Amino acid sequence: MKVINSFFEVITYLDRQEILKKLERAGRISHKSENKIVSDSAPDFVKKIIKSGHESVLEHVAISVIIVCDRGISHELVRHRIASYTQESTRYCDYWKKGELIFIKPFFLEEGTEKYQIWEKAMKVAEGFYFELRKKGLKPEEARSVLPNSLKTEVFMTANLREWRHIFALRCAPESHPQMREIMVPLLHFFQRKLSPIFDDFYINHEKKTAVKDKFLD
């Protein structure tokens, strides 16, 4: 067996200037104010439409991300309806032929501790039973019944910018699952660095637990 950490990879080419200009061009259609477009008007325009709540304009740009997480987290992730998903399939992936199963390390368990050792033993047992069932002739889609939530999976996910804002508002909140936040908080920070000002009104405060600007705090 192999144990890895969760991670993400942004697939879409993020040209900030190009994305902001596209959003401004789309947004100005409603009031026919295209004559106000100048070389540096897009950032302020996008900031204004977000502040005013006209986020439907953000739906004109979509971003694709590969998220590597455990199966349990993937079940929460795919509940977001306004997005497209392609996920690694335990029906068709034959891990017996690959020679090993890959599990996602629970970041809340410290390696070497008794709790981690119990989890690690459980993963080894699950791997052993999966291989044994395959050897006895069960198909991958049948043998997968013994696989745990910690099994690694890959999800190719595409969502528009408005939906990403919705996802971050829910999945970076303090009450969200810790392993979901392990992925989503760094992803939010990545988007903030690359696509300001679209996500600038989200922030993490490590001291308070109350809502600010209808978003979230940590």
C-alpha atoms as a PDB file:
ATOM      1  CA  MET A   1       0.000   0.000   0.000  1.00  0.00           C
ATOM      2  CA  LYS A   2       0.969   3.624  -0.490  1.00  0.00           C
ATOM      3  CA  VAL A   3      -0.066   6.663   1.552  1.00  0.00           C
ATOM      4  CA  ILE A   4      -0.104  10.186   0.094  1.00  0.00           C
ATOM      5  CA  ASN A   5      -1.438  13.621   1.014  1.00  0.00           C
ATOM      6  CA  SER A   6      -4.361  15.318  -0.697  1.00  0.00           C
ATOM      7  CA  PHE A   7      -3.513  17.862  -3.386  1.00  0.00           C
ATOM      8  CA  PHE A   8      -4.941  19.799  -6.322  1.00  0.00           C
ATOM      9  CA  GLU A   9      -3.799  20.820  -9.800  1.00  0.00           C
ATOM     10  CA  VAL A  10      -5.404  23.720 -11.652  1.00  0.00           C
ATOM     11  CA  ILE A  11      -5.814  22.721 -15.300  1.00  0.00           C
ATOM     12  CA  THR A  12      -7.245  25.914 -16.790  1.00  0.00           C
ATOM     13  CA  TYR A  13      -4.755  28.512 -17.994  1.00  0.00           C
ATOM     14  CA  LEU A  14      -5.378  31.468 -15.708  1.00  0.00           C
ATOM     15  CA  ASP A  15      -4.693  34.663 -17.616  1.00  0.00           C
ATOM     16  CA  ARG A  16      -6.016  37.176 -15.093  1.00  0.00           C
ATOM     17  CA  GLN A  17      -6.175  40.104 -17.500  1.00  0.00           C
ATOM     18  CA  GLU A  18      -7.943  38.101 -20.179  1.00  0.00           C
ATOM     19  CA  ILE A  19     -10.488  36.697 -17.709  1.00  0.00           C
ATOM     20  CA  LEU A  20     -11.299  40.108 -16.200  1.00  0.00           C
ATOM     21  CA  LYS A  21     -11.710  41.678 -19.634  1.00  0.00           C
ATOM     22  CA  LYS A  22     -14.083  38.903 -20.689  1.00  0.00           C
ATOM     23  CA  LEU A  23     -16.163  39.407 -17.544  1.00  0.00           C
ATOM     24  CA  GLU A  24     -16.297  43.164 -18.104  1.00  0.00           C
ATOM     25  CA  ARG A  25     -17.311  42.738 -21.738  1.00  0.00           C
ATOM     26  CA  ALA A  26     -20.114  40.388 -20.712  1.00  0.00           C
ATOM     27  CA  GLY A  27     -21.260  42.519 -17.797  1.00  0.00           C
ATOM     28  CA  ARG A  28     -21.535  45.764 -19.735  1.00  0.00           C
ATOM     29  CA  ILE A  29     -23.953  44.218 -22.220  1.00  0.00           C
ATOM     30  CA  SER A  30     -26.875  44.669 -19.834  1.00  0.00           C
ATOM     31  CA  HIS A  31     -26.540  48.475 -19.700  1.00  0.00           C
ATOM     32  CA  LYS A  32     -24.844  48.851 -23.077  1.00  0.00           C
ATOM     33  CA  SER A  33     -21.913  50.632 -21.485  1.00  0.00           C
ATOM     34  CA  GLU A  34     -19.202  49.100 -23.646  1.00  0.00           C
ATOM     35  CA  ASN A  35     -17.997  52.604 -24.466  1.00  0.00           C
ATOM     36  CA  LYS A  36     -16.645  52.841 -20.907  1.00  0.00           C
ATOM     37  CA  ILE A  37     -14.206  49.978 -21.431  1.00  0.00           C
ATOM     38  CA  VAL A  38     -10.607  51.156 -21.228  1.00  0.00           C
ATOM     39  CA  SER A  39      -7.331  49.338 -20.763  1.00  0.00           C
ATOM     40  CA  ASP A  40      -7.519  49.188 -16.972  1.00  0.00           C
ATOM     41  CA  SER A  41     -11.262  49.327 -16.251  1.00  0.00           C
ATOM     42  CA  ALA A  42     -11.907  45.591 -15.854  1.00  0.00           C
ATOM     43  CA  PRO A  43     -10.695  45.003 -12.239  1.00  0.00           C
ATOM     44  CA  ASP A  44     -12.799  47.798 -10.758  1.00  0.00           C
ATOM     45  CA  PHE A  45     -15.807  46.781 -12.848  1.00  0.00           C
ATOM     46  CA  VAL A  46     -15.613  43.163 -11.676  1.00  0.00           C
ATOM     47  CA  LYS A  47     -15.180  44.272  -8.071  1.00  0.00           C
ATOM     48  CA  LYS A  48     -18.273  46.476  -8.438  1.00  0.00           C
ATOM     49  CA  ILE A  49     -20.531  43.752  -9.847  1.00  0.00           C
ATOM     50  CA  ILE A  50     -19.501  41.360  -7.050  1.00  0.00           C
ATOM     51  CA  LYS A  51     -20.207  43.980  -4.401  1.00  0.00           C
ATOM     52  CA  SER A  52     -23.603  44.731  -5.924  1.00  0.00           C
ATOM     53  CA  GLY A  53     -24.518  41.022  -6.023  1.00  0.00           C
ATOM     54  CA  HIS A  54     -24.685  40.711  -9.828  1.00  0.00           C
ATOM     55  CA  GLU A  55     -22.651  37.505  -9.804  1.00  0.00           C
ATOM     56  CA  SER A  56     -24.404  35.927 -12.793  1.00  0.00           C
ATOM     57  CA  VAL A  57     -21.744  37.642 -14.939  1.00  0.00           C
ATOM     58  CA  LEU A  58     -19.138  35.384 -13.313  1.00  0.00           C
ATOM     59  CA  GLU A  59     -20.764  32.354 -14.904  1.00  0.00           C
ATOM     60  CA  HIS A  60     -19.153  33.207 -18.245  1.00  0.00           C
ATOM     61  CA  VAL A  61     -15.753  31.882 -17.098  1.00  0.00           C
ATOM     62  CA  ALA A  62     -15.139  28.302 -15.933  1.00  0.00           C
ATOM     63  CA  ILE A  63     -12.066  26.823 -14.267  1.00  0.00           C
ATOM     64  CA  SER A  64     -11.056  23.146 -14.215  1.00  0.00           C
ATOM     65  CA  VAL A  65      -9.180  21.579 -11.306  1.00  0.00           C
ATOM     66  CA  ILE A  66      -7.969  18.050 -10.623  1.00  0.00           C
ATOM     67  CA  ILE A  67      -8.545  17.255  -6.961  1.00  0.00           C
ATOM     68  CA  VAL A  68      -6.853  14.254  -5.378  1.00  0.00           C
ATOM     69  CA  CYS A  69      -8.580  13.323  -2.134  1.00  0.00           C
ATOM     70  CA  ASP A  70     -10.150  10.363  -0.384  1.00  0.00           C
ATOM     71  CA  ARG A  71     -13.437   8.795  -1.471  1.00  0.00           C
ATOM     72  CA  GLY A  72     -15.321  10.207   1.498  1.00  0.00           C
ATOM     73  CA  ILE A  73     -14.442  13.802   0.610  1.00  0.00           C
ATOM     74  CA  SER A  74     -15.221  13.195  -3.067  1.00  0.00           C
ATOM     75  CA  HIS A  75     -18.786  12.222  -2.129  1.00  0.00           C
ATOM     76  CA  GLU A  76     -19.243  15.651  -0.547  1.00  0.00           C
ATOM     77  CA  LEU A  77     -17.542  17.447  -3.410  1.00  0.00           C
ATOM     78  CA  VAL A  78     -19.745  16.086  -6.178  1.00  0.00           C
ATOM     79  CA  ARG A  79     -22.879  17.290  -4.389  1.00  0.00           C
ATOM     80  CA  HIS A  80     -22.329  20.731  -5.904  1.00  0.00           C
ATOM     81  CA  ARG A  81     -24.813  20.665  -8.767  1.00  0.00           C
ATOM     82  CA  ILE A  82     -23.573  23.481 -10.987  1.00  0.00           C
ATOM     83  CA  ALA A  83     -20.323  21.772 -11.922  1.00  0.00           C
ATOM     84  CA  SER A  84     -19.034  18.950 -14.106  1.00  0.00           C
ATOM     85  CA  TYR A  85     -17.115  15.954 -12.787  1.00  0.00           C
ATOM     86  CA  THR A  86     -15.107  13.034 -14.095  1.00  0.00           C
ATOM     87  CA  GLN A  87     -13.934  10.726 -11.327  1.00  0.00           C
ATOM     88  CA  GLU A  88     -11.585   7.788 -11.022  1.00  0.00           C
ATOM     89  CA  SER A  89     -13.794   4.710 -11.094  1.00  0.00           C
ATOM     90  CA  THR A  90     -13.433   1.804  -8.677  1.00  0.00           C
ATOM     91  CA  ARG A  91     -15.577  -0.215 -11.102  1.00  0.00           C
ATOM     92  CA  TYR A  92     -13.074  -0.073 -13.919  1.00  0.00           C
ATOM     93  CA  CYS A  93      -9.716   0.594 -12.208  1.00  0.00           C
ATOM     94  CA  ASP A  94      -8.174  -2.743 -11.298  1.00  0.00           C
ATOM     95  CA  TYR A  95      -5.890  -2.010  -8.359  1.00  0.00           C
ATOM     96  CA  TRP A  96      -4.902  -5.664  -8.133  1.00  0.00           C
ATOM     97  CA  LYS A  97      -3.195  -5.404 -11.528  1.00  0.00           C
ATOM     98  CA  LYS A  98      -1.549  -2.151 -10.434  1.00  0.00           C
ATOM     99  CA  GLY A  99      -0.065  -4.037  -7.488  1.00  0.00           C
ATOM    100  CA  GLU A 100      -1.078  -1.642  -4.728  1.00  0.00           C
ATOM    101  CA  LEU A 101      -3.792   0.563  -3.323  1.00  0.00           C
ATOM    102  CA  ILE A 102      -3.190   4.242  -2.598  1.00  0.00           C
ATOM    103  CA  PHE A 103      -4.713   5.848   0.478  1.00  0.00           C
ATOM    104  CA  ILE A 104      -5.004   9.473   1.548  1.00  0.00           C
ATOM    105  CA  LYS A 105      -3.332  10.212   4.856  1.00  0.00           C
ATOM    106  CA  PRO A 106      -5.735  11.781   7.372  1.00  0.00           C
ATOM    107  CA  PHE A 107      -3.848  14.973   8.200  1.00  0.00           C
ATOM    108  CA  PHE A 108      -5.309  14.937  11.719  1.00  0.00           C
ATOM    109  CA  LEU A 109      -3.426  11.712  12.525  1.00  0.00           C
ATOM    110  CA  GLU A 110       0.260  12.058  13.368  1.00  0.00           C
ATOM    111  CA  GLU A 111       2.495   9.331  11.949  1.00  0.00           C
ATOM    112  CA  GLY A 112       3.939   7.057  14.604  1.00  0.00           C
ATOM    113  CA  THR A 113       1.070   7.543  17.052  1.00  0.00           C
ATOM    114  CA  GLU A 114      -1.170   4.713  18.187  1.00  0.00           C
ATOM    115  CA  LYS A 115      -4.164   6.203  16.367  1.00  0.00           C
ATOM    116  CA  TYR A 116      -2.236   6.437  13.097  1.00  0.00           C
ATOM    117  CA  GLN A 117      -1.016   2.859  13.469  1.00  0.00           C
ATOM    118  CA  ILE A 118      -4.594   1.645  13.948  1.00  0.00           C
ATOM    119  CA  TRP A 119      -5.672   3.490  10.787  1.00  0.00           C
ATOM    120  CA  GLU A 120      -2.660   2.169   8.836  1.00  0.00           C
ATOM    121  CA  LYS A 121      -3.399  -1.400   9.918  1.00  0.00           C
ATOM    122  CA  ALA A 122      -7.020  -1.036   8.792  1.00  0.00           C
ATOM    123  CA  MET A 123      -5.874   0.138   5.340  1.00  0.00           C
ATOM    124  CA  LYS A 124      -3.492  -2.818   4.998  1.00  0.00           C
ATOM    125  CA  VAL A 125      -6.265  -5.218   5.948  1.00  0.00           C
ATOM    126  CA  ALA A 126      -8.630  -3.650   3.390  1.00  0.00           C
ATOM    127  CA  GLU A 127      -5.955  -3.912   0.696  1.00  0.00           C
ATOM    128  CA  GLY A 128      -5.347  -7.553   1.577  1.00  0.00           C
ATOM    129  CA  PHE A 129      -9.014  -8.476   1.382  1.00  0.00           C
ATOM    130  CA  TYR A 130      -9.443  -6.595  -1.922  1.00  0.00           C
ATOM    131  CA  PHE A 131      -6.523  -8.496  -3.483  1.00  0.00           C
ATOM    132  CA  GLU A 132      -7.806 -11.794  -2.098  1.00  0.00           C
ATOM    133  CA  LEU A 133     -11.254 -11.248  -3.591  1.00  0.00           C
ATOM    134  CA  ARG A 134      -9.726 -10.397  -6.956  1.00  0.00           C
ATOM    135  CA  LYS A 135      -7.600 -13.534  -6.857  1.00  0.00           C
ATOM    136  CA  LYS A 136     -10.755 -15.567  -6.235  1.00  0.00           C
ATOM    137  CA  GLY A 137     -12.338 -14.192  -9.397  1.00  0.00           C
ATOM    138  CA  LEU A 138     -14.402 -11.221  -8.288  1.00  0.00           C
ATOM    139  CA  LYS A 139     -14.484  -8.299 -10.698  1.00  0.00           C
ATOM    140  CA  PRO A 140     -13.070  -4.932  -9.587  1.00  0.00           C
ATOM    141  CA  GLU A 141     -16.624  -3.572  -9.269  1.00  0.00           C
ATOM    142  CA  GLU A 142     -17.415  -6.440  -6.871  1.00  0.00           C
ATOM    143  CA  ALA A 143     -14.189  -6.505  -4.886  1.00  0.00           C
ATOM    144  CA  ARG A 144     -14.429  -2.753  -4.255  1.00  0.00           C
ATOM    145  CA  SER A 145     -17.086  -3.396  -1.602  1.00  0.00           C
ATOM    146  CA  VAL A 146     -14.311  -3.778   0.993  1.00  0.00           C
ATOM    147  CA  LEU A 147     -12.574  -0.512   0.110  1.00  0.00           C
ATOM    148  CA  PRO A 148     -12.631   2.279   2.737  1.00  0.00           C
ATOM    149  CA  ASN A 149     -13.307   6.020   2.579  1.00  0.00           C
ATOM    150  CA  SER A 150      -9.566   6.697   2.802  1.00  0.00           C
ATOM    151  CA  LEU A 151      -8.998   5.241  -0.679  1.00  0.00           C
ATOM    152  CA  LYS A 152      -7.404   7.836  -2.943  1.00  0.00           C
ATOM    153  CA  THR A 153      -9.471   9.139  -5.839  1.00  0.00           C
ATOM    154  CA  GLU A 154      -8.973  11.773  -8.532  1.00  0.00           C
ATOM    155  CA  VAL A 155     -11.751  14.142  -9.560  1.00  0.00           C
ATOM    156  CA  PHE A 156     -11.552  16.343 -12.656  1.00  0.00           C
ATOM    157  CA  MET A 157     -13.892  19.182 -11.748  1.00  0.00           C
ATOM    158  CA  THR A 158     -15.068  22.159 -13.803  1.00  0.00           C
ATOM    159  CA  ALA A 159     -17.157  25.001 -12.391  1.00  0.00           C
ATOM    160  CA  ASN A 160     -17.810  28.590 -13.303  1.00  0.00           C
ATOM    161  CA  LEU A 161     -16.445  31.391 -11.132  1.00  0.00           C
ATOM    162  CA  ARG A 162     -19.778  32.045  -9.455  1.00  0.00           C
ATOM    163  CA  GLU A 163     -20.037  28.416  -8.397  1.00  0.00           C
ATOM    164  CA  TRP A 164     -16.436  28.387  -7.157  1.00  0.00           C
ATOM    165  CA  ARG A 165     -17.353  31.298  -4.895  1.00  0.00           C
ATOM    166  CA  HIS A 166     -20.313  29.301  -3.604  1.00  0.00           C
ATOM    167  CA  ILE A 167     -18.114  26.235  -3.064  1.00  0.00           C
ATOM    168  CA  PHE A 168     -15.516  28.207  -1.118  1.00  0.00           C
ATOM    169  CA  ALA A 169     -18.190  29.824   1.043  1.00  0.00           C
ATOM    170  CA  LEU A 170     -19.405  26.366   2.095  1.00  0.00           C
ATOM    171  CA  ARG A 171     -16.272  24.239   2.026  1.00  0.00           C
ATOM    172  CA  CYS A 172     -13.837  26.646   3.700  1.00  0.00           C
ATOM    173  CA  ALA A 173     -16.202  27.362   6.584  1.00  0.00           C
ATOM    174  CA  PRO A 174     -15.089  26.227  10.068  1.00  0.00           C
ATOM    175  CA  GLU A 175     -17.868  23.623  10.235  1.00  0.00           C
ATOM    176  CA  SER A 176     -16.817  21.982   6.960  1.00  0.00           C
ATOM    177  CA  HIS A 177     -15.038  18.608   7.094  1.00  0.00           C
ATOM    178  CA  PRO A 178     -11.353  19.091   8.052  1.00  0.00           C
ATOM    179  CA  GLN A 179     -10.120  17.115   5.052  1.00  0.00           C
ATOM    180  CA  MET A 180     -12.312  19.161   2.727  1.00  0.00           C
ATOM    181  CA  ARG A 181     -10.823  22.338   4.140  1.00  0.00           C
ATOM    182  CA  GLU A 182      -7.355  20.821   3.706  1.00  0.00           C
ATOM    183  CA  ILE A 183      -7.987  21.065  -0.047  1.00  0.00           C
ATOM    184  CA  MET A 184     -10.276  24.074  -0.360  1.00  0.00           C
ATOM    185  CA  VAL A 185      -8.486  26.652   1.780  1.00  0.00           C
ATOM    186  CA  PRO A 186      -5.200  26.372  -0.200  1.00  0.00           C
ATOM    187  CA  LEU A 187      -7.205  26.325  -3.449  1.00  0.00           C
ATOM    188  CA  LEU A 188      -8.983  29.524  -2.427  1.00  0.00           C
ATOM    189  CA  HIS A 189      -5.635  31.151  -1.642  1.00  0.00           C
ATOM    190  CA  PHE A 190      -4.347  30.085  -5.065  1.00  0.00           C
ATOM    191  CA  PHE A 191      -7.357  31.658  -6.784  1.00  0.00           C
ATOM    192  CA  GLN A 192      -6.903  34.826  -4.750  1.00  0.00           C
ATOM    193  CA  ARG A 193      -3.289  35.138  -5.878  1.00  0.00           C
ATOM    194  CA  LYS A 194      -4.102  34.479  -9.526  1.00  0.00           C
ATOM    195  CA  LEU A 195      -7.533  36.079  -9.982  1.00  0.00           C
ATOM    196  CA  SER A 196      -7.802  39.196  -7.860  1.00  0.00           C
ATOM    197  CA  PRO A 197     -10.298  40.796  -7.262  1.00  0.00           C
ATOM    198  CA  ILE A 198     -12.780  37.970  -7.935  1.00  0.00           C
ATOM    199  CA  PHE A 199     -12.125  36.230  -4.606  1.00  0.00           C
ATOM    200  CA  ASP A 200     -10.783  39.134  -2.563  1.00  0.00           C
ATOM    201  CA  ASP A 201     -13.813  39.324  -0.268  1.00  0.00           C
ATOM    202  CA  PHE A 202     -13.020  35.880   1.170  1.00  0.00           C
ATOM    203  CA  TYR A 203     -10.532  35.718   3.971  1.00  0.00           C
ATOM    204  CA  ILE A 204      -9.410  33.489   6.813  1.00  0.00           C
ATOM    205  CA  ASN A 205      -9.299  34.758  10.386  1.00  0.00           C
ATOM    206  CA  HIS A 206      -7.723  32.299  12.782  1.00  0.00           C
ATOM    207  CA  GLU A 207      -9.060  33.925  15.919  1.00  0.00           C
ATOM    208  CA  LYS A 208     -12.796  34.457  15.400  1.00  0.00           C
ATOM    209  CA  LYS A 209     -15.640  32.120  14.470  1.00  0.00           C
ATOM    210  CA  THR A 210     -18.298  34.588  13.338  1.00  0.00           C
ATOM    211  CA  ALA A 211     -19.412  35.393   9.805  1.00  0.00           C
ATOM    212  CA  VAL A 212     -18.118  38.492   8.044  1.00  0.00           C
ATOM    213  CA  LYS A 213     -19.408  39.844   4.716  1.00  0.00           C
ATOM    214  CA  ASP A 214     -21.691  36.779   4.456  1.00  0.00           C
ATOM    215  CA  LYS A 215     -18.661  34.632   3.764  1.00  0.00           C
ATOM    216  CA  PHE A 216     -16.650  32.709   6.317  1.00  0.00           C
ATOM    217  CA  LEU A 217     -13.950  32.798   8.906  1.00  0.00           C
ATOM    218  CA  ASP A 218     -11.590  30.128  10.130  1.00  0.00           C
END
